[in-house]
Amino acid sequence: MLRTRDPRSPGWYRDPTRRHQFREWDGERWTEHVSDDGQPGIDPVRSNAVEKITRARSGRRRIHVPH
């Protein structure tokens, strides 16, 4: 999992890798848990690009995706 310095609280947010609609943030890092059209999935984070995208997009609203 990729660690970043993101101040958001744990929850589901738009996927910063843009491979899925949503990705779970555990409060310290993006996890492998993703969701597309309400369907949960697993996709490991493999790139440091997420950290750059996260910093560029700070301040987004939290989005809740039910399991």
C-alpha atoms as a PDB file:
ATOM      1  CA  MET A   1       0.000   0.000   0.000  1.00  0.00           C
ATOM      2  CA  LEU A   2       1.177   3.496  -0.771  1.00  0.00           C
ATOM      3  CA  ARG A   3       1.660   5.867   2.157  1.00  0.00           C
ATOM      4  CA  THR A   4       1.015   9.556   1.674  1.00  0.00           C
ATOM      5  CA  ARG A   5       0.695  12.584   3.917  1.00  0.00           C
ATOM      6  CA  ASP A   6      -2.983  13.178   3.293  1.00  0.00           C
ATOM      7  CA  PRO A   7      -5.036  14.765   6.107  1.00  0.00           C
ATOM      8  CA  ARG A   8      -8.336  13.139   5.137  1.00  0.00           C
ATOM      9  CA  SER A   9     -10.186  10.872   7.497  1.00  0.00           C
ATOM     10  CA  PRO A  10     -10.549   7.174   6.596  1.00  0.00           C
ATOM     11  CA  GLY A  11     -13.176   6.454   3.965  1.00  0.00           C
ATOM     12  CA  TRP A  12     -13.910   5.974   0.281  1.00  0.00           C
ATOM     13  CA  TYR A  13     -12.717   8.615  -2.194  1.00  0.00           C
ATOM     14  CA  ARG A  14     -12.339   8.904  -5.951  1.00  0.00           C
ATOM     15  CA  ASP A  15      -9.475   6.628  -6.988  1.00  0.00           C
ATOM     16  CA  PRO A  16      -6.366   8.784  -7.444  1.00  0.00           C
ATOM     17  CA  THR A  17      -4.928   6.205  -9.872  1.00  0.00           C
ATOM     18  CA  ARG A  18      -8.023   6.692 -12.058  1.00  0.00           C
ATOM     19  CA  ARG A  19      -8.219   2.932 -12.634  1.00  0.00           C
ATOM     20  CA  HIS A  20     -11.466   2.676 -10.604  1.00  0.00           C
ATOM     21  CA  GLN A  21     -14.268   4.947  -9.451  1.00  0.00           C
ATOM     22  CA  PHE A  22     -13.382   4.775  -5.749  1.00  0.00           C
ATOM     23  CA  ARG A  23     -10.521   3.598  -3.545  1.00  0.00           C
ATOM     24  CA  GLU A  24     -10.411   3.246   0.226  1.00  0.00           C
ATOM     25  CA  TRP A  25      -8.173   5.570   2.257  1.00  0.00           C
ATOM     26  CA  ASP A  26      -7.345   4.096   5.694  1.00  0.00           C
ATOM     27  CA  GLY A  27      -6.261   7.409   7.213  1.00  0.00           C
ATOM     28  CA  GLU A  28      -2.578   6.877   6.357  1.00  0.00           C
ATOM     29  CA  ARG A  29      -2.454   5.295   2.922  1.00  0.00           C
ATOM     30  CA  TRP A  30      -4.514   4.227  -0.082  1.00  0.00           C
ATOM     31  CA  THR A  31      -5.513   0.582   0.215  1.00  0.00           C
ATOM     32  CA  GLU A  32      -6.040  -2.124  -2.395  1.00  0.00           C
ATOM     33  CA  HIS A  33      -9.831  -1.957  -1.826  1.00  0.00           C
ATOM     34  CA  VAL A  34     -11.654  -0.412  -4.787  1.00  0.00           C
ATOM     35  CA  SER A  35     -15.211  -0.051  -6.060  1.00  0.00           C
ATOM     36  CA  ASP A  36     -16.774   0.397  -9.505  1.00  0.00           C
ATOM     37  CA  ASP A  37     -20.530   0.883  -9.927  1.00  0.00           C
ATOM     38  CA  GLY A  38     -21.019  -0.300  -6.316  1.00  0.00           C
ATOM     39  CA  GLN A  39     -19.110  -3.543  -6.875  1.00  0.00           C
ATOM     40  CA  PRO A  40     -16.152  -4.047  -4.509  1.00  0.00           C
ATOM     41  CA  GLY A  41     -12.809  -5.249  -5.797  1.00  0.00           C
ATOM     42  CA  ILE A  42      -9.103  -5.520  -5.060  1.00  0.00           C
ATOM     43  CA  ASP A  43      -6.400  -3.671  -6.995  1.00  0.00           C
ATOM     44  CA  PRO A  44      -3.011  -3.123  -5.311  1.00  0.00           C
ATOM     45  CA  VAL A  45      -1.544   0.361  -5.512  1.00  0.00           C
ATOM     46  CA  ARG A  46       1.637   0.084  -7.567  1.00  0.00           C
ATOM     47  CA  SER A  47       2.722   3.629  -8.325  1.00  0.00           C
ATOM     48  CA  ASN A  48       4.141   6.654  -6.527  1.00  0.00           C
ATOM     49  CA  ALA A  49       2.070   8.701  -8.961  1.00  0.00           C
ATOM     50  CA  VAL A  50      -0.825   8.399  -6.504  1.00  0.00           C
ATOM     51  CA  GLU A  51       1.051  10.543  -3.999  1.00  0.00           C
ATOM     52  CA  LYS A  52       1.537  13.309  -6.561  1.00  0.00           C
ATOM     53  CA  ILE A  53      -2.114  13.156  -7.626  1.00  0.00           C
ATOM     54  CA  THR A  54      -3.281  13.169  -3.991  1.00  0.00           C
ATOM     55  CA  ARG A  55      -1.282  16.279  -3.181  1.00  0.00           C
ATOM     56  CA  ALA A  56      -2.586  18.045  -6.287  1.00  0.00           C
ATOM     57  CA  ARG A  57      -6.197  17.250  -5.420  1.00  0.00           C
ATOM     58  CA  SER A  58      -6.284  17.849  -1.661  1.00  0.00           C
ATOM     59  CA  GLY A  59      -9.541  19.145  -0.258  1.00  0.00           C
ATOM     60  CA  ARG A  60     -11.949  16.821  -2.066  1.00  0.00           C
ATOM     61  CA  ARG A  61     -15.174  15.768  -0.419  1.00  0.00           C
ATOM     62  CA  ARG A  62     -15.482  12.380   1.233  1.00  0.00           C
ATOM     63  CA  ILE A  63     -17.627   9.863  -0.655  1.00  0.00           C
ATOM     64  CA  HIS A  64     -19.243   6.916   1.107  1.00  0.00           C
ATOM     65  CA  VAL A  65     -19.461   3.630  -0.812  1.00  0.00           C
ATOM     66  CA  PRO A  66     -21.490   0.940   0.982  1.00  0.00           C
ATOM     67  CA  HIS A  67     -19.968  -2.538   1.135  1.00  0.00           C
END
